[in-house]
N, C-alpha and C. Protein backbone atom coordinates (compact mmCIF):
# COMPACT_ATOMS: atom_id res chain seq x y z
N MET A 1 -95.26 -39.56 -130.62
CA MET A 1 -95.82 -40.88 -130.84
C MET A 1 -95.87 -41.68 -129.52
N GLN A 2 -94.80 -41.54 -128.74
CA GLN A 2 -94.73 -42.25 -127.46
C GLN A 2 -95.82 -41.75 -126.51
N LEU A 3 -96.12 -40.48 -126.53
CA LEU A 3 -97.16 -39.89 -125.69
C LEU A 3 -98.53 -40.44 -126.08
N ILE A 4 -98.81 -40.54 -127.37
CA ILE A 4 -100.10 -41.05 -127.85
C ILE A 4 -100.26 -42.52 -127.48
N LEU A 5 -99.22 -43.31 -127.65
CA LEU A 5 -99.28 -44.74 -127.29
C LEU A 5 -99.49 -44.91 -125.77
N GLY A 6 -98.80 -44.10 -124.99
CA GLY A 6 -98.96 -44.17 -123.53
C GLY A 6 -100.38 -43.81 -123.11
N LEU A 7 -100.93 -42.76 -123.71
CA LEU A 7 -102.29 -42.35 -123.41
C LEU A 7 -103.29 -43.43 -123.83
N GLY A 8 -103.09 -44.02 -125.00
CA GLY A 8 -103.96 -45.11 -125.45
C GLY A 8 -103.90 -46.30 -124.51
N LEU A 9 -102.71 -46.64 -124.03
CA LEU A 9 -102.55 -47.75 -123.10
C LEU A 9 -103.29 -47.48 -121.79
N VAL A 10 -103.22 -46.26 -121.29
CA VAL A 10 -103.91 -45.90 -120.05
C VAL A 10 -105.43 -45.99 -120.24
N ILE A 11 -105.93 -45.53 -121.37
CA ILE A 11 -107.37 -45.60 -121.63
C ILE A 11 -107.84 -47.05 -121.73
N VAL A 12 -107.08 -47.88 -122.43
CA VAL A 12 -107.43 -49.30 -122.54
C VAL A 12 -107.40 -49.96 -121.17
N LEU A 13 -106.43 -49.62 -120.36
CA LEU A 13 -106.33 -50.18 -119.00
C LEU A 13 -107.52 -49.77 -118.15
N ILE A 14 -107.98 -48.53 -118.26
CA ILE A 14 -109.15 -48.08 -117.49
C ILE A 14 -110.39 -48.88 -117.88
N PHE A 15 -110.61 -49.04 -119.19
CA PHE A 15 -111.77 -49.81 -119.64
C PHE A 15 -111.67 -51.28 -119.22
N ALA A 16 -110.48 -51.86 -119.27
CA ALA A 16 -110.30 -53.26 -118.86
C ALA A 16 -110.59 -53.43 -117.38
N LEU A 17 -110.12 -52.51 -116.55
CA LEU A 17 -110.38 -52.60 -115.12
C LEU A 17 -111.86 -52.40 -114.79
N ALA A 18 -112.53 -51.49 -115.52
CA ALA A 18 -113.97 -51.30 -115.31
C ALA A 18 -114.74 -52.56 -115.68
N TRP A 19 -114.37 -53.19 -116.79
CA TRP A 19 -115.03 -54.44 -117.19
C TRP A 19 -114.80 -55.52 -116.15
N PHE A 20 -113.57 -55.64 -115.67
CA PHE A 20 -113.24 -56.66 -114.68
C PHE A 20 -114.01 -56.42 -113.37
N ALA A 21 -114.12 -55.16 -112.94
CA ALA A 21 -114.86 -54.85 -111.71
C ALA A 21 -116.32 -55.21 -111.86
N ARG A 22 -116.90 -55.00 -113.04
CA ARG A 22 -118.30 -55.38 -113.27
C ARG A 22 -118.48 -56.89 -113.22
N ARG A 23 -117.54 -57.63 -113.82
CA ARG A 23 -117.64 -59.08 -113.85
C ARG A 23 -117.50 -59.68 -112.46
N VAL A 24 -116.62 -59.14 -111.67
CA VAL A 24 -116.38 -59.66 -110.32
C VAL A 24 -117.48 -59.23 -109.36
N GLY A 25 -118.12 -58.12 -109.62
CA GLY A 25 -119.19 -57.66 -108.75
C GLY A 25 -118.78 -56.49 -107.89
N GLY A 26 -117.81 -55.77 -108.32
CA GLY A 26 -117.41 -54.58 -107.56
C GLY A 26 -116.22 -54.87 -106.67
N VAL A 27 -115.95 -53.94 -105.81
CA VAL A 27 -114.82 -54.06 -104.90
C VAL A 27 -115.19 -55.03 -103.79
N SER A 28 -114.31 -55.95 -103.46
CA SER A 28 -114.62 -56.99 -102.48
C SER A 28 -114.88 -56.43 -101.09
N GLY A 29 -114.38 -55.26 -100.78
CA GLY A 29 -114.62 -54.67 -99.47
C GLY A 29 -116.06 -54.27 -99.25
N PHE A 30 -116.82 -54.07 -100.32
CA PHE A 30 -118.20 -53.67 -100.22
C PHE A 30 -119.16 -54.85 -100.29
N ASN A 31 -118.68 -56.02 -100.69
CA ASN A 31 -119.53 -57.21 -100.76
C ASN A 31 -119.57 -57.88 -99.40
N HIS A 32 -120.76 -58.34 -99.02
CA HIS A 32 -120.92 -59.03 -97.75
C HIS A 32 -121.66 -60.32 -98.04
N PRO A 33 -121.18 -61.46 -97.52
CA PRO A 33 -121.81 -62.75 -97.85
C PRO A 33 -123.25 -62.87 -97.35
N GLN A 34 -123.65 -62.12 -96.34
CA GLN A 34 -125.00 -62.22 -95.80
C GLN A 34 -125.96 -61.22 -96.43
N LEU A 35 -125.49 -60.39 -97.35
CA LEU A 35 -126.33 -59.38 -97.98
C LEU A 35 -126.23 -59.56 -99.50
N LYS A 36 -127.38 -59.82 -100.14
CA LYS A 36 -127.37 -60.12 -101.56
C LYS A 36 -128.60 -59.55 -102.25
N VAL A 37 -128.43 -58.99 -103.43
CA VAL A 37 -129.55 -58.55 -104.26
C VAL A 37 -130.07 -59.79 -104.98
N VAL A 38 -131.32 -60.17 -104.69
CA VAL A 38 -131.92 -61.38 -105.26
C VAL A 38 -132.54 -61.08 -106.61
N ALA A 39 -133.29 -59.99 -106.71
CA ALA A 39 -133.96 -59.64 -107.96
C ALA A 39 -134.15 -58.14 -108.03
N THR A 40 -134.27 -57.65 -109.25
CA THR A 40 -134.52 -56.23 -109.46
C THR A 40 -135.47 -56.06 -110.63
N LEU A 41 -136.31 -55.04 -110.54
CA LEU A 41 -137.29 -54.77 -111.58
C LEU A 41 -137.34 -53.26 -111.79
N ALA A 42 -137.11 -52.83 -113.03
CA ALA A 42 -137.16 -51.40 -113.35
C ALA A 42 -138.62 -50.98 -113.49
N MET A 43 -139.00 -49.96 -112.74
CA MET A 43 -140.36 -49.42 -112.82
C MET A 43 -140.42 -48.28 -113.84
N SER A 44 -139.34 -47.55 -113.97
CA SER A 44 -139.21 -46.50 -114.97
C SER A 44 -137.71 -46.36 -115.23
N THR A 45 -137.33 -45.30 -115.91
CA THR A 45 -135.91 -45.13 -116.21
C THR A 45 -135.08 -44.84 -114.97
N ARG A 46 -135.70 -44.32 -113.92
CA ARG A 46 -134.94 -43.94 -112.72
C ARG A 46 -135.37 -44.66 -111.45
N GLU A 47 -136.50 -45.34 -111.46
CA GLU A 47 -136.99 -46.02 -110.27
C GLU A 47 -136.93 -47.53 -110.45
N ARG A 48 -136.61 -48.22 -109.36
CA ARG A 48 -136.52 -49.68 -109.38
C ARG A 48 -137.13 -50.25 -108.11
N VAL A 49 -137.54 -51.51 -108.22
CA VAL A 49 -137.94 -52.30 -107.06
C VAL A 49 -136.88 -53.39 -106.93
N VAL A 50 -136.30 -53.51 -105.74
CA VAL A 50 -135.19 -54.43 -105.52
C VAL A 50 -135.53 -55.35 -104.36
N LEU A 51 -135.32 -56.66 -104.56
CA LEU A 51 -135.50 -57.64 -103.49
C LEU A 51 -134.11 -57.98 -102.96
N VAL A 52 -133.89 -57.70 -101.67
CA VAL A 52 -132.58 -57.89 -101.04
C VAL A 52 -132.71 -58.94 -99.97
N GLN A 53 -131.75 -59.85 -99.91
CA GLN A 53 -131.72 -60.86 -98.85
C GLN A 53 -130.66 -60.48 -97.84
N ALA A 54 -131.08 -60.38 -96.57
CA ALA A 54 -130.18 -60.11 -95.46
C ALA A 54 -130.33 -61.25 -94.48
N GLY A 55 -129.37 -62.16 -94.46
CA GLY A 55 -129.50 -63.36 -93.63
C GLY A 55 -130.61 -64.23 -94.18
N LYS A 56 -131.63 -64.53 -93.34
CA LYS A 56 -132.77 -65.33 -93.78
C LYS A 56 -133.96 -64.47 -94.16
N GLN A 57 -133.85 -63.17 -94.00
CA GLN A 57 -134.95 -62.25 -94.26
C GLN A 57 -134.77 -61.59 -95.63
N GLN A 58 -135.88 -61.41 -96.34
CA GLN A 58 -135.85 -60.69 -97.61
C GLN A 58 -136.65 -59.40 -97.47
N MET A 59 -136.14 -58.32 -98.10
CA MET A 59 -136.79 -57.02 -98.03
C MET A 59 -137.02 -56.50 -99.44
N LEU A 60 -138.22 -55.98 -99.67
CA LEU A 60 -138.55 -55.37 -100.94
C LEU A 60 -138.34 -53.86 -100.79
N LEU A 61 -137.43 -53.31 -101.60
CA LEU A 61 -137.05 -51.91 -101.48
C LEU A 61 -137.44 -51.14 -102.74
N GLY A 62 -137.92 -49.94 -102.56
CA GLY A 62 -138.15 -49.03 -103.66
C GLY A 62 -136.95 -48.11 -103.75
N VAL A 63 -136.28 -48.10 -104.90
CA VAL A 63 -135.06 -47.32 -105.07
C VAL A 63 -135.29 -46.25 -106.12
N ALA A 64 -135.04 -45.02 -105.74
CA ALA A 64 -135.17 -43.87 -106.63
C ALA A 64 -133.93 -42.99 -106.41
N PRO A 65 -133.67 -42.07 -107.31
CA PRO A 65 -132.51 -41.21 -107.11
C PRO A 65 -132.58 -40.46 -105.78
N GLY A 66 -131.60 -40.69 -104.94
CA GLY A 66 -131.53 -39.97 -103.68
C GLY A 66 -132.28 -40.60 -102.53
N ARG A 67 -132.97 -41.72 -102.74
CA ARG A 67 -133.68 -42.34 -101.60
C ARG A 67 -133.95 -43.82 -101.84
N VAL A 68 -134.08 -44.54 -100.73
CA VAL A 68 -134.43 -45.96 -100.71
C VAL A 68 -135.51 -46.13 -99.67
N ASN A 69 -136.65 -46.75 -100.06
CA ASN A 69 -137.76 -46.96 -99.14
C ASN A 69 -138.03 -48.45 -98.97
N LEU A 70 -138.29 -48.87 -97.73
CA LEU A 70 -138.69 -50.24 -97.47
C LEU A 70 -140.17 -50.37 -97.82
N LEU A 71 -140.48 -51.23 -98.80
CA LEU A 71 -141.87 -51.44 -99.20
C LEU A 71 -142.50 -52.57 -98.41
N HIS A 72 -141.75 -53.66 -98.21
CA HIS A 72 -142.27 -54.79 -97.44
C HIS A 72 -141.10 -55.64 -96.98
N SER A 73 -141.27 -56.30 -95.84
CA SER A 73 -140.26 -57.19 -95.31
C SER A 73 -140.85 -58.58 -95.19
N PHE A 74 -140.12 -59.59 -95.66
CA PHE A 74 -140.58 -60.98 -95.63
C PHE A 74 -139.72 -61.76 -94.64
N ASP A 75 -140.36 -62.47 -93.71
CA ASP A 75 -139.61 -63.27 -92.75
C ASP A 75 -139.02 -64.52 -93.39
N GLU A 76 -139.76 -65.09 -94.36
CA GLU A 76 -139.26 -66.25 -95.08
C GLU A 76 -139.01 -65.85 -96.53
N PRO A 77 -137.97 -66.40 -97.15
CA PRO A 77 -137.66 -66.02 -98.54
C PRO A 77 -138.80 -66.33 -99.50
N ILE A 78 -139.11 -65.38 -100.38
CA ILE A 78 -140.14 -65.60 -101.38
C ILE A 78 -139.52 -66.04 -102.71
N ILE A 79 -138.24 -65.72 -102.91
CA ILE A 79 -137.49 -66.17 -104.08
C ILE A 79 -136.21 -66.80 -103.58
N ASP A 80 -135.88 -67.97 -104.12
CA ASP A 80 -134.65 -68.65 -103.75
C ASP A 80 -133.47 -67.93 -104.37
N PRO A 81 -132.54 -67.41 -103.57
CA PRO A 81 -131.41 -66.65 -104.14
C PRO A 81 -130.45 -67.52 -104.94
N GLN A 82 -130.50 -68.85 -104.76
CA GLN A 82 -129.61 -69.73 -105.50
C GLN A 82 -130.03 -69.88 -106.95
N VAL A 83 -131.34 -69.72 -107.24
CA VAL A 83 -131.85 -69.82 -108.60
C VAL A 83 -131.89 -68.43 -109.19
N THR A 84 -131.03 -68.17 -110.14
CA THR A 84 -130.96 -66.84 -110.72
C THR A 84 -131.82 -66.76 -111.97
N PRO A 85 -132.40 -65.60 -112.25
CA PRO A 85 -133.17 -65.46 -113.48
C PRO A 85 -132.35 -65.72 -114.73
N VAL A 86 -131.05 -65.46 -114.66
CA VAL A 86 -130.19 -65.69 -115.83
C VAL A 86 -130.17 -67.17 -116.16
N SER A 87 -130.05 -68.03 -115.13
CA SER A 87 -130.02 -69.47 -115.40
C SER A 87 -131.37 -69.94 -115.91
N GLN A 88 -132.46 -69.37 -115.41
CA GLN A 88 -133.77 -69.73 -115.92
C GLN A 88 -133.90 -69.31 -117.37
N PHE A 89 -133.42 -68.12 -117.72
CA PHE A 89 -133.47 -67.65 -119.08
C PHE A 89 -132.63 -68.55 -119.98
N ALA A 90 -131.45 -68.93 -119.51
CA ALA A 90 -130.58 -69.80 -120.30
C ALA A 90 -131.25 -71.15 -120.55
N ASP A 91 -131.92 -71.68 -119.54
CA ASP A 91 -132.62 -72.96 -119.71
C ASP A 91 -133.75 -72.83 -120.72
N ARG A 92 -134.52 -71.74 -120.64
CA ARG A 92 -135.62 -71.53 -121.59
C ARG A 92 -135.10 -71.35 -123.01
N LEU A 93 -133.99 -70.64 -123.15
CA LEU A 93 -133.40 -70.43 -124.47
C LEU A 93 -132.94 -71.76 -125.06
N LYS A 94 -132.31 -72.61 -124.24
CA LYS A 94 -131.87 -73.92 -124.73
C LYS A 94 -133.07 -74.75 -125.18
N ASP A 95 -134.15 -74.73 -124.39
CA ASP A 95 -135.36 -75.47 -124.76
C ASP A 95 -135.94 -74.97 -126.08
N ALA A 96 -136.01 -73.66 -126.24
CA ALA A 96 -136.56 -73.08 -127.47
C ALA A 96 -135.69 -73.42 -128.67
N MET A 97 -134.38 -73.39 -128.49
CA MET A 97 -133.48 -73.71 -129.60
C MET A 97 -133.56 -75.18 -129.97
N SER A 98 -133.70 -76.03 -128.97
CA SER A 98 -133.78 -77.48 -129.28
C SER A 98 -135.11 -77.78 -129.98
N ARG A 99 -136.18 -77.07 -129.62
CA ARG A 99 -137.47 -77.27 -130.31
C ARG A 99 -137.39 -76.82 -131.75
N SER A 100 -136.68 -75.71 -132.02
CA SER A 100 -136.60 -75.21 -133.39
C SER A 100 -135.74 -76.13 -134.25
N LYS A 101 -134.76 -76.82 -133.66
CA LYS A 101 -133.94 -77.77 -134.43
C LYS A 101 -134.74 -79.03 -134.77
N ASP A 102 -135.68 -79.42 -133.89
CA ASP A 102 -136.47 -80.62 -134.10
C ASP A 102 -137.47 -80.43 -135.23
N GLN A 103 -137.88 -79.22 -135.51
CA GLN A 103 -138.91 -78.97 -136.52
C GLN A 103 -138.37 -79.01 -137.92
């Protein structure tokens, strides 16, 4: 019984640490304040287009299994990294919900 409880505790701990790492954004040693993923768009199940900000420059990257290609480089930001799509979605959802309550 003690072996099963110990194994269960280890499994729960692994899942909790994985969830925490996702929420925090990964290991802090790999995060850099001057390098940020601004937006991402899935083109298929395995290919993506990613907009990355490095300093004041933004780069559009094509990401596929085993390779990353520079598609275009922008000298001035085309998307403000401070405005996240999640906050825009949250604002739109609040507006839609308030409209449905008014009806």
